[in-house]
Amino acid sequence: MVVHSSVQVRYKGEDVGDQVADMIVEDHVLLALKAQEKLPRAHKAQVLS
């Protein structure tokens, strides 16, 4: 497990930029951790994408 690592993000085969991952597990899973009472609309869209 790697915590807070910069990764290159690809979507449908296209590079879309770099992101700091909160956690990477087994080199396959990228987790974005959120802790709030209510998830703002912009964050909900990010979680669902």
N, C-alpha and C. Protein backbone atom coordinates (compact mmCIF):
# COMPACT_ATOMS: atom_id res chain seq x y z
N MET A 1 0.85 -1.17 0.00
CA MET A 1 0.00 0.00 0.00
C MET A 1 0.90 1.24 0.00
N VAL A 2 0.54 2.20 -0.84
CA VAL A 2 1.26 3.47 -0.93
C VAL A 2 0.28 4.58 -0.56
N VAL A 3 0.72 5.52 0.26
CA VAL A 3 -0.14 6.62 0.70
C VAL A 3 0.39 7.94 0.16
N HIS A 4 -0.51 8.77 -0.35
CA HIS A 4 -0.21 10.11 -0.88
C HIS A 4 0.91 10.06 -1.93
N SER A 5 0.56 9.50 -3.07
CA SER A 5 1.51 9.36 -4.17
C SER A 5 0.95 10.06 -5.41
N SER A 6 1.82 10.70 -6.19
CA SER A 6 1.40 11.35 -7.42
C SER A 6 1.29 10.30 -8.51
N VAL A 7 0.17 10.29 -9.23
CA VAL A 7 -0.04 9.32 -10.30
C VAL A 7 -0.56 10.03 -11.54
N GLN A 8 -0.25 9.45 -12.70
CA GLN A 8 -0.77 9.96 -13.97
C GLN A 8 -2.13 9.33 -14.20
N VAL A 9 -3.13 10.15 -14.51
CA VAL A 9 -4.50 9.67 -14.67
C VAL A 9 -4.83 9.58 -16.15
N ARG A 10 -5.41 8.43 -16.54
CA ARG A 10 -5.87 8.22 -17.91
C ARG A 10 -7.35 7.91 -17.87
N TYR A 11 -8.08 8.43 -18.85
CA TYR A 11 -9.52 8.16 -18.96
C TYR A 11 -9.81 7.82 -20.41
N LYS A 12 -10.34 6.63 -20.62
CA LYS A 12 -10.64 6.13 -21.96
C LYS A 12 -9.42 6.24 -22.89
N GLY A 13 -8.26 5.89 -22.34
CA GLY A 13 -7.03 5.86 -23.12
C GLY A 13 -6.33 7.20 -23.29
N GLU A 14 -6.89 8.27 -22.76
CA GLU A 14 -6.31 9.60 -22.89
C GLU A 14 -5.71 10.07 -21.56
N ASP A 15 -4.53 10.69 -21.62
CA ASP A 15 -3.94 11.28 -20.42
C ASP A 15 -4.76 12.51 -20.04
N VAL A 16 -5.19 12.58 -18.77
CA VAL A 16 -5.98 13.73 -18.32
C VAL A 16 -5.26 14.53 -17.24
N GLY A 17 -4.05 14.14 -16.89
CA GLY A 17 -3.27 14.91 -15.93
C GLY A 17 -2.80 14.09 -14.76
N ASP A 18 -2.17 14.77 -13.83
CA ASP A 18 -1.66 14.11 -12.62
C ASP A 18 -2.60 14.37 -11.45
N GLN A 19 -2.62 13.44 -10.52
CA GLN A 19 -3.47 13.53 -9.34
C GLN A 19 -2.68 12.96 -8.16
N VAL A 20 -2.88 13.51 -6.99
CA VAL A 20 -2.28 12.93 -5.79
C VAL A 20 -3.28 11.94 -5.23
N ALA A 21 -2.91 10.67 -5.24
CA ALA A 21 -3.77 9.61 -4.74
C ALA A 21 -3.65 9.53 -3.22
N ASP A 22 -4.79 9.40 -2.55
CA ASP A 22 -4.75 9.23 -1.10
C ASP A 22 -4.19 7.85 -0.73
N MET A 23 -4.53 6.84 -1.55
CA MET A 23 -4.06 5.49 -1.25
C MET A 23 -4.08 4.64 -2.51
N ILE A 24 -3.00 3.87 -2.75
CA ILE A 24 -2.94 2.92 -3.86
C ILE A 24 -2.68 1.55 -3.25
N VAL A 25 -3.52 0.59 -3.60
CA VAL A 25 -3.41 -0.76 -3.05
C VAL A 25 -3.14 -1.73 -4.20
N GLU A 26 -2.12 -2.56 -4.05
CA GLU A 26 -1.77 -3.59 -5.04
C GLU A 26 -1.54 -3.01 -6.44
N ASP A 27 -1.10 -1.77 -6.53
CA ASP A 27 -0.83 -1.11 -7.82
C ASP A 27 -2.04 -1.05 -8.74
N HIS A 28 -3.25 -1.24 -8.23
CA HIS A 28 -4.44 -1.27 -9.07
C HIS A 28 -5.57 -0.38 -8.58
N VAL A 29 -5.67 -0.14 -7.32
CA VAL A 29 -6.82 0.56 -6.77
C VAL A 29 -6.41 1.96 -6.33
N LEU A 30 -7.13 2.95 -6.85
CA LEU A 30 -6.89 4.35 -6.47
C LEU A 30 -8.07 4.79 -5.62
N LEU A 31 -7.80 5.17 -4.39
CA LEU A 31 -8.86 5.61 -3.49
C LEU A 31 -8.75 7.10 -3.22
N ALA A 32 -9.87 7.79 -3.32
CA ALA A 32 -9.95 9.20 -2.93
C ALA A 32 -10.79 9.25 -1.67
N LEU A 33 -10.17 9.54 -0.55
CA LEU A 33 -10.87 9.50 0.73
C LEU A 33 -11.54 10.84 1.01
N LYS A 34 -12.79 10.79 1.41
CA LYS A 34 -13.57 11.98 1.75
C LYS A 34 -14.17 11.78 3.14
N ALA A 35 -14.18 12.84 3.93
CA ALA A 35 -14.78 12.77 5.27
C ALA A 35 -15.55 14.06 5.52
N GLN A 36 -16.85 14.01 5.27
CA GLN A 36 -17.71 15.16 5.47
C GLN A 36 -19.10 14.66 5.87
N GLU A 37 -19.87 15.53 6.53
CA GLU A 37 -21.24 15.16 6.87
C GLU A 37 -22.08 14.98 5.61
N LYS A 38 -21.91 15.88 4.65
CA LYS A 38 -22.66 15.82 3.41
C LYS A 38 -21.68 16.05 2.26
N LEU A 39 -21.77 15.23 1.23
CA LEU A 39 -20.86 15.32 0.10
C LEU A 39 -21.34 16.40 -0.87
N PRO A 40 -20.53 17.45 -1.09
CA PRO A 40 -20.91 18.50 -2.04
C PRO A 40 -21.11 17.93 -3.45
N ARG A 41 -21.93 18.59 -4.24
CA ARG A 41 -22.27 18.11 -5.59
C ARG A 41 -21.02 17.87 -6.45
N ALA A 42 -20.06 18.78 -6.39
CA ALA A 42 -18.83 18.63 -7.20
C ALA A 42 -18.06 17.39 -6.78
N HIS A 43 -17.99 17.11 -5.50
CA HIS A 43 -17.28 15.90 -5.03
C HIS A 43 -18.05 14.64 -5.39
N LYS A 44 -19.38 14.72 -5.35
CA LYS A 44 -20.18 13.55 -5.73
C LYS A 44 -19.90 13.17 -7.18
N ALA A 45 -19.84 14.17 -8.05
CA ALA A 45 -19.53 13.92 -9.47
C ALA A 45 -18.15 13.29 -9.61
N GLN A 46 -17.20 13.76 -8.82
CA GLN A 46 -15.83 13.22 -8.89
C GLN A 46 -15.82 11.76 -8.43
N VAL A 47 -16.55 11.43 -7.38
CA VAL A 47 -16.59 10.08 -6.85
C VAL A 47 -17.22 9.12 -7.86
N LEU A 48 -18.25 9.60 -8.57
CA LEU A 48 -18.96 8.74 -9.51
C LEU A 48 -18.24 8.56 -10.84
N SER A 49 -17.24 9.40 -11.11
CA SER A 49 -16.58 9.29 -12.43
C SER A 49 -15.49 8.27 -12.45
